[in-house]
Structure formats: C-alpha cells, structure tokens
Amino acid sequence: MSGFPDDLGQCTGFQWDAGNADKNWELHQVSQGECEQVFFNRPLVVAPDLEHSEREARYAALGRTNAARGLAVVFTIRGTLVRVISARDMSRRERRIYEQGKASR
C-alpha cells in the first residue's frame, strides 16, 4: 500500500476526541464504529496527507465499513493509537481511486 504508515500495524486501538466524533456524526452521519471498521476491512488504501501534516503526520484512508459504506477517513497515529480526525463518504474521485487500488492487488 503506497504511503501505508509502518506503525499502523502496531496500533492497539483508537483515541477519540469528543469534538471530532460529534463533528463526524453531525456533518456526515458517520459513527465512531463505522470509522473503526474501515481499518479492519480490506482492502484499505492509505496515503500520506502531506497538505495537512505540518504539526504531525496525517494520513488519508479509503475503505469500507461492514455494511460496505465507502468512507474517506483522515487520521494520525499517537503512540499506539489511531486518532480519527475526520470521516465522510467517499467522493466519486475517491471511489475511483479505491477501485483502482483494489484492482492492483
């Protein structure tokens, strides 16, 4: 996976900021559980989010929930925890990228 952070495989759980969790639900109707499911389902397409990585490394993940909902999830890694910053439905462009990523496996 291009840009896949080496330490993602070492993560032991998730760290949730109440504001981010509420924002994801209020703006995009994405639950915490759906965000977490993306990381356990394959394929997972991950790339560095260089534009927003000034203070800490951020990544953009494209994946599916258990109900096959396609989500774009921006996250960082703090210690051994994944911290979700934002999550929403994949755009048309992101769906194409995700499908291309699936086909190349």
PDB file of N, CA and C in Angstrom:
ATOM      1  N   MET A   1       0.832  -1.176   0.000  1.00  0.00           N
ATOM      2  CA  MET A   1       0.000   0.000   0.000  1.00  0.00           C
ATOM      3  C   MET A   1       0.879   1.242   0.000  1.00  0.00           C
ATOM      4  N   SER A   2       0.734   2.019  -0.977  1.00  0.00           N
ATOM      5  CA  SER A   2       1.535   3.228  -1.091  1.00  0.00           C
ATOM      6  C   SER A   2       1.239   4.170   0.073  1.00  0.00           C
ATOM      7  N   GLY A   3       2.280   4.611   0.743  1.00  0.00           N
ATOM      8  CA  GLY A   3       2.102   5.559   1.824  1.00  0.00           C
ATOM      9  C   GLY A   3       1.615   4.950   3.120  1.00  0.00           C
ATOM     10  N   PHE A   4       1.497   3.640   3.187  1.00  0.00           N
ATOM     11  CA  PHE A   4       0.977   2.983   4.383  1.00  0.00           C
ATOM     12  C   PHE A   4       1.939   3.202   5.534  1.00  0.00           C
ATOM     13  N   PRO A   5       1.464   3.828   6.614  1.00  0.00           N
ATOM     14  CA  PRO A   5       2.370   4.102   7.731  1.00  0.00           C
ATOM     15  C   PRO A   5       2.839   2.805   8.390  1.00  0.00           C
ATOM     16  N   ASP A   6       4.149   2.682   8.578  1.00  0.00           N
ATOM     17  CA  ASP A   6       4.723   1.473   9.149  1.00  0.00           C
ATOM     18  C   ASP A   6       4.124   1.144  10.514  1.00  0.00           C
ATOM     19  N   ASP A   7       3.821   2.165  11.299  1.00  0.00           N
ATOM     20  CA  ASP A   7       3.357   1.907  12.657  1.00  0.00           C
ATOM     21  C   ASP A   7       1.857   1.637  12.758  1.00  0.00           C
ATOM     22  N   LEU A   8       1.118   1.680  11.651  1.00  0.00           N
ATOM     23  CA  LEU A   8      -0.319   1.386  11.719  1.00  0.00           C
ATOM     24  C   LEU A   8      -0.554  -0.049  12.166  1.00  0.00           C
ATOM     25  N   GLY A   9       0.282  -0.966  11.707  1.00  0.00           N
ATOM     26  CA  GLY A   9       0.148  -2.365  12.108  1.00  0.00           C
ATOM     27  C   GLY A   9       0.437  -2.598  13.580  1.00  0.00           C
ATOM     28  N   GLN A  10       1.096  -1.654  14.224  1.00  0.00           N
ATOM     29  CA  GLN A  10       1.426  -1.773  15.643  1.00  0.00           C
ATOM     30  C   GLN A  10       0.370  -1.136  16.549  1.00  0.00           C
ATOM     31  N   CYS A  11      -0.631  -0.518  15.944  1.00  0.00           N
ATOM     32  CA  CYS A  11      -1.652   0.181  16.738  1.00  0.00           C
ATOM     33  C   CYS A  11      -2.505  -0.808  17.520  1.00  0.00           C
ATOM     34  N   THR A  12      -2.880  -0.388  18.721  1.00  0.00           N
ATOM     35  CA  THR A  12      -3.631  -1.262  19.618  1.00  0.00           C
ATOM     36  C   THR A  12      -5.061  -0.798  19.847  1.00  0.00           C
ATOM     37  N   GLY A  13      -5.444   0.319  19.269  1.00  0.00           N
ATOM     38  CA  GLY A  13      -6.800   0.800  19.487  1.00  0.00           C
ATOM     39  C   GLY A  13      -6.985   2.186  18.887  1.00  0.00           C
ATOM     40  N   PHE A  14      -8.004   2.859  19.370  1.00  0.00           N
ATOM     41  CA  PHE A  14      -8.377   4.172  18.857  1.00  0.00           C
ATOM     42  C   PHE A  14      -8.448   5.183  19.986  1.00  0.00           C
ATOM     43  N   GLN A  15      -8.119   6.416  19.659  1.00  0.00           N
ATOM     44  CA  GLN A  15      -8.228   7.534  20.593  1.00  0.00           C
ATOM     45  C   GLN A  15      -9.262   8.483  19.992  1.00  0.00           C
ATOM     46  N   TRP A  16     -10.280   8.798  20.769  1.00  0.00           N
ATOM     47  CA  TRP A  16     -11.355   9.646  20.260  1.00  0.00           C
ATOM     48  C   TRP A  16     -11.404  10.973  20.979  1.00  0.00           C
ATOM     49  N   ASP A  17     -11.438  12.022  20.202  1.00  0.00           N
ATOM     50  CA  ASP A  17     -11.688  13.365  20.693  1.00  0.00           C
ATOM     51  C   ASP A  17     -13.189  13.586  20.528  1.00  0.00           C
ATOM     52  N   ALA A  18     -13.880  13.952  21.610  1.00  0.00           N
ATOM     53  CA  ALA A  18     -15.342  14.091  21.561  1.00  0.00           C
ATOM     54  C   ALA A  18     -15.772  15.059  20.462  1.00  0.00           C
ATOM     55  N   GLY A  19     -15.033  16.134  20.299  1.00  0.00           N
ATOM     56  CA  GLY A  19     -15.387  17.108  19.271  1.00  0.00           C
ATOM     57  C   GLY A  19     -15.334  16.523  17.874  1.00  0.00           C
ATOM     58  N   ASN A  20     -14.291  15.741  17.566  1.00  0.00           N
ATOM     59  CA  ASN A  20     -14.184  15.127  16.249  1.00  0.00           C
ATOM     60  C   ASN A  20     -15.275  14.080  16.035  1.00  0.00           C
ATOM     61  N   ALA A  21     -15.541  13.278  17.052  1.00  0.00           N
ATOM     62  CA  ALA A  21     -16.572  12.249  16.925  1.00  0.00           C
ATOM     63  C   ALA A  21     -17.931  12.894  16.673  1.00  0.00           C
ATOM     64  N   ASP A  22     -18.233  13.936  17.434  1.00  0.00           N
ATOM     65  CA  ASP A  22     -19.514  14.641  17.251  1.00  0.00           C
ATOM     66  C   ASP A  22     -19.588  15.282  15.878  1.00  0.00           C
ATOM     67  N   LYS A  23     -18.495  15.894  15.446  1.00  0.00           N
ATOM     68  CA  LYS A  23     -18.445  16.570  14.139  1.00  0.00           C
ATOM     69  C   LYS A  23     -18.696  15.579  13.011  1.00  0.00           C
ATOM     70  N   ASN A  24     -18.059  14.406  13.082  1.00  0.00           N
ATOM     71  CA  ASN A  24     -18.247  13.405  12.030  1.00  0.00           C
ATOM     72  C   ASN A  24     -19.701  12.969  11.935  1.00  0.00           C
ATOM     73  N   TRP A  25     -20.344  12.848  13.083  1.00  0.00           N
ATOM     74  CA  TRP A  25     -21.752  12.442  13.079  1.00  0.00           C
ATOM     75  C   TRP A  25     -22.641  13.589  12.584  1.00  0.00           C
ATOM     76  N   GLU A  26     -22.446  14.766  13.141  1.00  0.00           N
ATOM     77  CA  GLU A  26     -23.305  15.903  12.790  1.00  0.00           C
ATOM     78  C   GLU A  26     -23.188  16.297  11.318  1.00  0.00           C
ATOM     79  N   LEU A  27     -21.973  16.308  10.786  1.00  0.00           N
ATOM     80  CA  LEU A  27     -21.773  16.752   9.409  1.00  0.00           C
ATOM     81  C   LEU A  27     -21.995  15.653   8.372  1.00  0.00           C
ATOM     82  N   HIS A  28     -21.643  14.400   8.731  1.00  0.00           N
ATOM     83  CA  HIS A  28     -21.619  13.344   7.715  1.00  0.00           C
ATOM     84  C   HIS A  28     -22.350  12.062   8.114  1.00  0.00           C
ATOM     85  N   GLN A  29     -22.931  12.042   9.323  1.00  0.00           N
ATOM     86  CA  GLN A  29     -23.620  10.855   9.834  1.00  0.00           C
ATOM     87  C   GLN A  29     -22.729   9.614   9.779  1.00  0.00           C
ATOM     88  N   VAL A  30     -21.490   9.802  10.183  1.00  0.00           N
ATOM     89  CA  VAL A  30     -20.530   8.694  10.291  1.00  0.00           C
ATOM     90  C   VAL A  30     -20.277   8.454  11.777  1.00  0.00           C
ATOM     91  N   SER A  31     -20.533   7.231  12.228  1.00  0.00           N
ATOM     92  CA  SER A  31     -20.342   6.896  13.641  1.00  0.00           C
ATOM     93  C   SER A  31     -18.898   6.494  13.929  1.00  0.00           C
ATOM     94  N   GLN A  32     -18.550   6.485  15.211  1.00  0.00           N
ATOM     95  CA  GLN A  32     -17.217   6.028  15.608  1.00  0.00           C
ATOM     96  C   GLN A  32     -16.996   4.591  15.156  1.00  0.00           C
ATOM     97  N   GLY A  33     -17.997   3.761  15.348  1.00  0.00           N
ATOM     98  CA  GLY A  33     -17.883   2.355  14.962  1.00  0.00           C
ATOM     99  C   GLY A  33     -17.587   2.187  13.480  1.00  0.00           C
ATOM    100  N   GLU A  34     -18.257   2.966  12.642  1.00  0.00           N
ATOM    101  CA  GLU A  34     -18.005   2.878  11.202  1.00  0.00           C
ATOM    102  C   GLU A  34     -16.572   3.281  10.876  1.00  0.00           C
ATOM    103  N   CYS A  35     -16.086   4.336  11.523  1.00  0.00           N
ATOM    104  CA  CYS A  35     -14.694   4.764  11.302  1.00  0.00           C
ATOM    105  C   CYS A  35     -13.731   3.634  11.640  1.00  0.00           C
ATOM    106  N   GLU A  36     -13.947   2.988  12.751  1.00  0.00           N
ATOM    107  CA  GLU A  36     -13.056   1.916  13.187  1.00  0.00           C
ATOM    108  C   GLU A  36     -13.127   0.707  12.255  1.00  0.00           C
ATOM    109  N   GLN A  37     -14.319   0.387  11.763  1.00  0.00           N
ATOM    110  CA  GLN A  37     -14.485  -0.762  10.869  1.00  0.00           C
ATOM    111  C   GLN A  37     -13.604  -0.637   9.627  1.00  0.00           C
ATOM    112  N   VAL A  38     -13.461   0.578   9.115  1.00  0.00           N
ATOM    113  CA  VAL A  38     -12.655   0.803   7.911  1.00  0.00           C
ATOM    114  C   VAL A  38     -11.253   0.217   8.078  1.00  0.00           C
ATOM    115  N   PHE A  39     -10.681   0.326   9.264  1.00  0.00           N
ATOM    116  CA  PHE A  39      -9.302  -0.125   9.494  1.00  0.00           C
ATOM    117  C   PHE A  39      -9.176  -1.648   9.578  1.00  0.00           C
ATOM    118  N   PHE A  40     -10.286  -2.327   9.784  1.00  0.00           N
ATOM    119  CA  PHE A  40     -10.251  -3.788   9.899  1.00  0.00           C
ATOM    120  C   PHE A  40     -10.670  -4.491   8.618  1.00  0.00           C
ATOM    121  N   ASN A  41     -11.275  -3.773   7.698  1.00  0.00           N
ATOM    122  CA  ASN A  41     -11.739  -4.359   6.444  1.00  0.00           C
ATOM    123  C   ASN A  41     -10.724  -4.116   5.344  1.00  0.00           C
ATOM    124  N   ARG A  42     -10.638  -5.048   4.426  1.00  0.00           N
ATOM    125  CA  ARG A  42      -9.717  -4.943   3.307  1.00  0.00           C
ATOM    126  C   ARG A  42     -10.501  -4.917   2.017  1.00  0.00           C
ATOM    127  N   PRO A  43      -9.978  -4.237   1.023  1.00  0.00           N
ATOM    128  CA  PRO A  43      -8.724  -3.504   1.042  1.00  0.00           C
ATOM    129  C   PRO A  43      -8.853  -2.165   1.758  1.00  0.00           C
ATOM    130  N   LEU A  44      -7.734  -1.677   2.215  1.00  0.00           N
ATOM    131  CA  LEU A  44      -7.619  -0.359   2.826  1.00  0.00           C
ATOM    132  C   LEU A  44      -6.554   0.391   2.040  1.00  0.00           C
ATOM    133  N   VAL A  45      -6.930   1.489   1.434  1.00  0.00           N
ATOM    134  CA  VAL A  45      -5.996   2.290   0.638  1.00  0.00           C
ATOM    135  C   VAL A  45      -5.598   3.489   1.495  1.00  0.00           C
ATOM    136  N   VAL A  46      -4.305   3.637   1.771  1.00  0.00           N
ATOM    137  CA  VAL A  46      -3.813   4.699   2.648  1.00  0.00           C
ATOM    138  C   VAL A  46      -2.739   5.498   1.923  1.00  0.00           C
ATOM    139  N   ALA A  47      -2.810   6.823   2.074  1.00  0.00           N
ATOM    140  CA  ALA A  47      -1.796   7.709   1.502  1.00  0.00           C
ATOM    141  C   ALA A  47      -1.493   8.816   2.502  1.00  0.00           C
ATOM    142  N   PRO A  48      -0.274   9.342   2.489  1.00  0.00           N
ATOM    143  CA  PRO A  48       0.053  10.468   3.366  1.00  0.00           C
ATOM    144  C   PRO A  48      -0.774  11.692   2.978  1.00  0.00           C
ATOM    145  N   ASP A  49      -1.193  12.438   3.967  1.00  0.00           N
ATOM    146  CA  ASP A  49      -1.907  13.702   3.735  1.00  0.00           C
ATOM    147  C   ASP A  49      -0.902  14.827   3.975  1.00  0.00           C
ATOM    148  N   LEU A  50      -0.033  15.025   3.009  1.00  0.00           N
ATOM    149  CA  LEU A  50       1.083  15.972   3.162  1.00  0.00           C
ATOM    150  C   LEU A  50       0.606  17.408   3.361  1.00  0.00           C
ATOM    151  N   GLU A  51      -0.495  17.763   2.748  1.00  0.00           N
ATOM    152  CA  GLU A  51      -1.004  19.134   2.844  1.00  0.00           C
ATOM    153  C   GLU A  51      -1.364  19.523   4.274  1.00  0.00           C
ATOM    154  N   HIS A  52      -1.757  18.535   5.091  1.00  0.00           N
ATOM    155  CA  HIS A  52      -2.187  18.823   6.460  1.00  0.00           C
ATOM    156  C   HIS A  52      -1.266  18.210   7.505  1.00  0.00           C
ATOM    157  N   SER A  53      -0.003  17.992   7.156  1.00  0.00           N
ATOM    158  CA  SER A  53       0.921  17.309   8.063  1.00  0.00           C
ATOM    159  C   SER A  53       1.987  18.227   8.650  1.00  0.00           C
ATOM    160  N   GLU A  54       1.681  19.498   8.826  1.00  0.00           N
ATOM    161  CA  GLU A  54       2.696  20.407   9.359  1.00  0.00           C
ATOM    162  C   GLU A  54       3.099  20.053  10.786  1.00  0.00           C
ATOM    163  N   ARG A  55       2.112  19.804  11.652  1.00  0.00           N
ATOM    164  CA  ARG A  55       2.419  19.545  13.062  1.00  0.00           C
ATOM    165  C   ARG A  55       2.624  18.071  13.387  1.00  0.00           C
ATOM    166  N   GLU A  56       1.932  17.206  12.659  1.00  0.00           N
ATOM    167  CA  GLU A  56       2.093  15.771  12.865  1.00  0.00           C
ATOM    168  C   GLU A  56       1.717  15.068  11.567  1.00  0.00           C
ATOM    169  N   ALA A  57       2.240  13.870  11.373  1.00  0.00           N
ATOM    170  CA  ALA A  57       1.944  13.118  10.154  1.00  0.00           C
ATOM    171  C   ALA A  57       0.468  12.733  10.126  1.00  0.00           C
ATOM    172  N   ARG A  58      -0.177  13.063   9.022  1.00  0.00           N
ATOM    173  CA  ARG A  58      -1.573  12.691   8.827  1.00  0.00           C
ATOM    174  C   ARG A  58      -1.681  11.808   7.599  1.00  0.00           C
ATOM    175  N   TYR A  59      -2.703  10.976   7.621  1.00  0.00           N
ATOM    176  CA  TYR A  59      -2.927  10.036   6.532  1.00  0.00           C
ATOM    177  C   TYR A  59      -4.392  10.080   6.117  1.00  0.00           C
ATOM    178  N   ALA A  60      -4.634   9.753   4.858  1.00  0.00           N
ATOM    179  CA  ALA A  60      -5.996   9.625   4.341  1.00  0.00           C
ATOM    180  C   ALA A  60      -6.208   8.162   3.982  1.00  0.00           C
ATOM    181  N   ALA A  61      -7.270   7.577   4.517  1.00  0.00           N
ATOM    182  CA  ALA A  61      -7.587   6.183   4.255  1.00  0.00           C
ATOM    183  C   ALA A  61      -8.906   6.095   3.500  1.00  0.00           C
ATOM    184  N   LEU A  62      -8.953   5.206   2.532  1.00  0.00           N
ATOM    185  CA  LEU A  62     -10.183   4.892   1.815  1.00  0.00           C
ATOM    186  C   LEU A  62     -10.500   3.438   2.093  1.00  0.00           C
ATOM    187  N   GLY A  63     -11.710   3.196   2.580  1.00  0.00           N
ATOM    188  CA  GLY A  63     -12.077   1.823   2.903  1.00  0.00           C
ATOM    189  C   GLY A  63     -13.571   1.669   3.064  1.00  0.00           C
ATOM    190  N   ARG A  64     -13.972   0.470   3.455  1.00  0.00           N
ATOM    191  CA  ARG A  64     -15.387   0.135   3.570  1.00  0.00           C
ATOM    192  C   ARG A  64     -15.737  -0.290   4.994  1.00  0.00           C
ATOM    193  N   THR A  65     -16.958   0.051   5.377  1.00  0.00           N
ATOM    194  CA  THR A  65     -17.487  -0.403   6.660  1.00  0.00           C
ATOM    195  C   THR A  65     -17.996  -1.836   6.491  1.00  0.00           C
ATOM    196  N   ASN A  66     -18.445  -2.432   7.569  1.00  0.00           N
ATOM    197  CA  ASN A  66     -19.015  -3.781   7.499  1.00  0.00           C
ATOM    198  C   ASN A  66     -20.249  -3.815   6.602  1.00  0.00           C
ATOM    199  N   ALA A  67     -20.937  -2.675   6.479  1.00  0.00           N
ATOM    200  CA  ALA A  67     -22.129  -2.576   5.626  1.00  0.00           C
ATOM    201  C   ALA A  67     -21.764  -2.114   4.207  1.00  0.00           C
ATOM    202  N   ALA A  68     -20.477  -2.122   3.871  1.00  0.00           N
ATOM    203  CA  ALA A  68     -19.956  -1.759   2.542  1.00  0.00           C
ATOM    204  C   ALA A  68     -20.102  -0.270   2.221  1.00  0.00           C
ATOM    205  N   ARG A  69     -20.262   0.559   3.222  1.00  0.00           N
ATOM    206  CA  ARG A  69     -20.281   2.013   3.013  1.00  0.00           C
ATOM    207  C   ARG A  69     -18.846   2.475   2.786  1.00  0.00           C
ATOM    208  N   GLY A  70     -18.599   3.178   1.688  1.00  0.00           N
ATOM    209  CA  GLY A  70     -17.266   3.665   1.380  1.00  0.00           C
ATOM    210  C   GLY A  70     -16.976   4.958   2.112  1.00  0.00           C
ATOM    211  N   LEU A  71     -15.927   4.962   2.930  1.00  0.00           N
ATOM    212  CA  LEU A  71     -15.583   6.146   3.714  1.00  0.00           C
ATOM    213  C   LEU A  71     -14.165   6.626   3.409  1.00  0.00           C
ATOM    214  N   ALA A  72     -13.999   7.928   3.495  1.00  0.00           N
ATOM    215  CA  ALA A  72     -12.684   8.573   3.475  1.00  0.00           C
ATOM    216  C   ALA A  72     -12.418   9.019   4.905  1.00  0.00           C
ATOM    217  N   VAL A  73     -11.340   8.534   5.489  1.00  0.00           N
ATOM    218  CA  VAL A  73     -11.032   8.811   6.890  1.00  0.00           C
ATOM    219  C   VAL A  73      -9.638   9.436   6.971  1.00  0.00           C
ATOM    220  N   VAL A  74      -9.554  10.621   7.556  1.00  0.00           N
ATOM    221  CA  VAL A  74      -8.271  11.269   7.813  1.00  0.00           C
ATOM    222  C   VAL A  74      -7.905  10.948   9.258  1.00  0.00           C
ATOM    223  N   PHE A  75      -6.645  10.525   9.454  1.00  0.00           N
ATOM    224  CA  PHE A  75      -6.239  10.117  10.799  1.00  0.00           C
ATOM    225  C   PHE A  75      -4.767  10.406  11.027  1.00  0.00           C
ATOM    226  N   THR A  76      -4.391  10.319  12.282  1.00  0.00           N
ATOM    227  CA  THR A  76      -2.994  10.393  12.682  1.00  0.00           C
ATOM    228  C   THR A  76      -2.751   9.240  13.648  1.00  0.00           C
ATOM    229  N   ILE A  77      -1.505   9.008  13.979  1.00  0.00           N
ATOM    230  CA  ILE A  77      -1.170   7.963  14.941  1.00  0.00           C
ATOM    231  C   ILE A  77      -0.491   8.631  16.121  1.00  0.00           C
ATOM    232  N   ARG A  78      -1.028   8.385  17.308  1.00  0.00           N
ATOM    233  CA  ARG A  78      -0.451   8.917  18.540  1.00  0.00           C
ATOM    234  C   ARG A  78      -0.066   7.740  19.421  1.00  0.00           C
ATOM    235  N   GLY A  79       1.220   7.537  19.543  1.00  0.00           N
ATOM    236  CA  GLY A  79       1.696   6.378  20.299  1.00  0.00           C
ATOM    237  C   GLY A  79       1.287   5.114  19.570  1.00  0.00           C
ATOM    238  N   THR A  80       0.447   4.310  20.210  1.00  0.00           N
ATOM    239  CA  THR A  80      -0.058   3.085  19.568  1.00  0.00           C
ATOM    240  C   THR A  80      -1.542   3.192  19.241  1.00  0.00           C
ATOM    241  N   LEU A  81      -2.047   4.423  19.182  1.00  0.00           N
ATOM    242  CA  LEU A  81      -3.480   4.619  18.935  1.00  0.00           C
ATOM    243  C   LEU A  81      -3.732   5.380  17.642  1.00  0.00           C
ATOM    244  N   VAL A  82      -4.764   4.958  16.919  1.00  0.00           N
ATOM    245  CA  VAL A  82      -5.236   5.681  15.741  1.00  0.00           C
ATOM    246  C   VAL A  82      -6.178   6.767  16.230  1.00  0.00           C
ATOM    247  N   ARG A  83      -5.931   7.989  15.816  1.00  0.00           N
ATOM    248  CA  ARG A  83      -6.800   9.106  16.189  1.00  0.00           C
ATOM    249  C   ARG A  83      -7.470   9.612  14.922  1.00  0.00           C
ATOM    250  N   VAL A  84      -8.769   9.388  14.808  1.00  0.00           N
ATOM    251  CA  VAL A  84      -9.528   9.821  13.641  1.00  0.00           C
ATOM    252  C   VAL A  84      -9.781  11.321  13.749  1.00  0.00           C
ATOM    253  N   ILE A  85      -9.449  12.030  12.682  1.00  0.00           N
ATOM    254  CA  ILE A  85      -9.641  13.477  12.644  1.00  0.00           C
ATOM    255  C   ILE A  85     -10.947  13.815  11.945  1.00  0.00           C
ATOM    256  N   SER A  86     -11.207  13.142  10.832  1.00  0.00           N
ATOM    257  CA  SER A  86     -12.479  13.360  10.131  1.00  0.00           C
ATOM    258  C   SER A  86     -12.826  12.139   9.305  1.00  0.00           C
ATOM    259  N   ALA A  87     -14.114  11.992   9.036  1.00  0.00           N
ATOM    260  CA  ALA A  87     -14.597  10.879   8.226  1.00  0.00           C
ATOM    261  C   ALA A  87     -15.861  11.306   7.496  1.00  0.00           C
ATOM    262  N   ARG A  88     -15.972  10.850   6.246  1.00  0.00           N
ATOM    263  CA  ARG A  88     -17.143  11.177   5.421  1.00  0.00           C
ATOM    264  C   ARG A  88     -17.246  10.137   4.325  1.00  0.00           C
ATOM    265  N   ASP A  89     -18.344  10.168   3.588  1.00  0.00           N
ATOM    266  CA  ASP A  89     -18.486   9.273   2.444  1.00  0.00           C
ATOM    267  C   ASP A  89     -17.442   9.618   1.396  1.00  0.00           C
ATOM    268  N   MET A  90     -16.957   8.605   0.687  1.00  0.00           N
ATOM    269  CA  MET A  90     -16.001   8.831  -0.392  1.00  0.00           C
ATOM    270  C   MET A  90     -16.650   9.662  -1.496  1.00  0.00           C
ATOM    271  N   SER A  91     -15.855  10.535  -2.081  1.00  0.00           N
ATOM    272  CA  SER A  91     -16.298  11.279  -3.262  1.00  0.00           C
ATOM    273  C   SER A  91     -16.218  10.349  -4.484  1.00  0.00           C
ATOM    274  N   ARG A  92     -16.748  10.777  -5.599  1.00  0.00           N
ATOM    275  CA  ARG A  92     -16.677   9.990  -6.835  1.00  0.00           C
ATOM    276  C   ARG A  92     -15.210   9.700  -7.191  1.00  0.00           C
ATOM    277  N   ARG A  93     -14.381  10.718  -7.087  1.00  0.00           N
ATOM    278  CA  ARG A  93     -12.948  10.559  -7.395  1.00  0.00           C
ATOM    279  C   ARG A  93     -12.292   9.549  -6.443  1.00  0.00           C
ATOM    280  N   GLU A  94     -12.611   9.652  -5.166  1.00  0.00           N
ATOM    281  CA  GLU A  94     -12.048   8.724  -4.179  1.00  0.00           C
ATOM    282  C   GLU A  94     -12.529   7.299  -4.432  1.00  0.00           C
ATOM    283  N   ARG A  95     -13.776   7.126  -4.853  1.00  0.00           N
ATOM    284  CA  ARG A  95     -14.265   5.780  -5.182  1.00  0.00           C
ATOM    285  C   ARG A  95     -13.458   5.180  -6.335  1.00  0.00           C
ATOM    286  N   ARG A  96     -13.139   6.001  -7.341  1.00  0.00           N
ATOM    287  CA  ARG A  96     -12.321   5.513  -8.463  1.00  0.00           C
ATOM    288  C   ARG A  96     -10.935   5.086  -7.970  1.00  0.00           C
ATOM    289  N   ILE A  97     -10.326   5.919  -7.130  1.00  0.00           N
ATOM    290  CA  ILE A  97      -9.007   5.591  -6.582  1.00  0.00           C
ATOM    291  C   ILE A  97      -9.074   4.284  -5.784  1.00  0.00           C
ATOM    292  N   TYR A  98     -10.117   4.149  -4.979  1.00  0.00           N
ATOM    293  CA  TYR A  98     -10.289   2.935  -4.170  1.00  0.00           C
ATOM    294  C   TYR A  98     -10.430   1.705  -5.070  1.00  0.00           C
ATOM    295  N   GLU A  99     -11.257   1.815  -6.101  1.00  0.00           N
ATOM    296  CA  GLU A  99     -11.466   0.681  -7.012  1.00  0.00           C
ATOM    297  C   GLU A  99     -10.180   0.338  -7.750  1.00  0.00           C
ATOM    298  N   GLN A 100      -9.405   1.344  -8.142  1.00  0.00           N
ATOM    299  CA  GLN A 100      -8.115   1.083  -8.795  1.00  0.00           C
ATOM    300  C   GLN A 100      -7.159   0.392  -7.829  1.00  0.00           C
ATOM    301  N   GLY A 101      -7.189   0.816  -6.577  1.00  0.00           N
ATOM    302  CA  GLY A 101      -6.357   0.188  -5.560  1.00  0.00           C
ATOM    303  C   GLY A 101      -6.729  -1.268  -5.340  1.00  0.00           C
ATOM    304  N   LYS A 102      -8.034  -1.559  -5.374  1.00  0.00           N
ATOM    305  CA  LYS A 102      -8.498  -2.944  -5.230  1.00  0.00           C
ATOM    306  C   LYS A 102      -8.018  -3.794  -6.401  1.00  0.00           C
ATOM    307  N   ALA A 103      -8.115  -3.235  -7.604  1.00  0.00           N
ATOM    308  CA  ALA A 103      -7.768  -3.989  -8.813  1.00  0.00           C
ATOM    309  C   ALA A 103      -6.277  -4.311  -8.875  1.00  0.00           C
ATOM    310  N   SER A 104      -5.443  -3.473  -8.255  1.00  0.00           N
ATOM    311  CA  SER A 104      -3.992  -3.686  -8.327  1.00  0.00           C
ATOM    312  C   SER A 104      -3.499  -4.700  -7.305  1.00  0.00           C
ATOM    313  N   ARG A 105      -4.355  -5.270  -6.538  1.00  0.00           N
ATOM    314  CA  ARG A 105      -3.957  -6.254  -5.515  1.00  0.00           C
ATOM    315  C   ARG A 105      -3.993  -7.649  -6.073  1.00  0.00           C
TER     316      ARG A 105
END
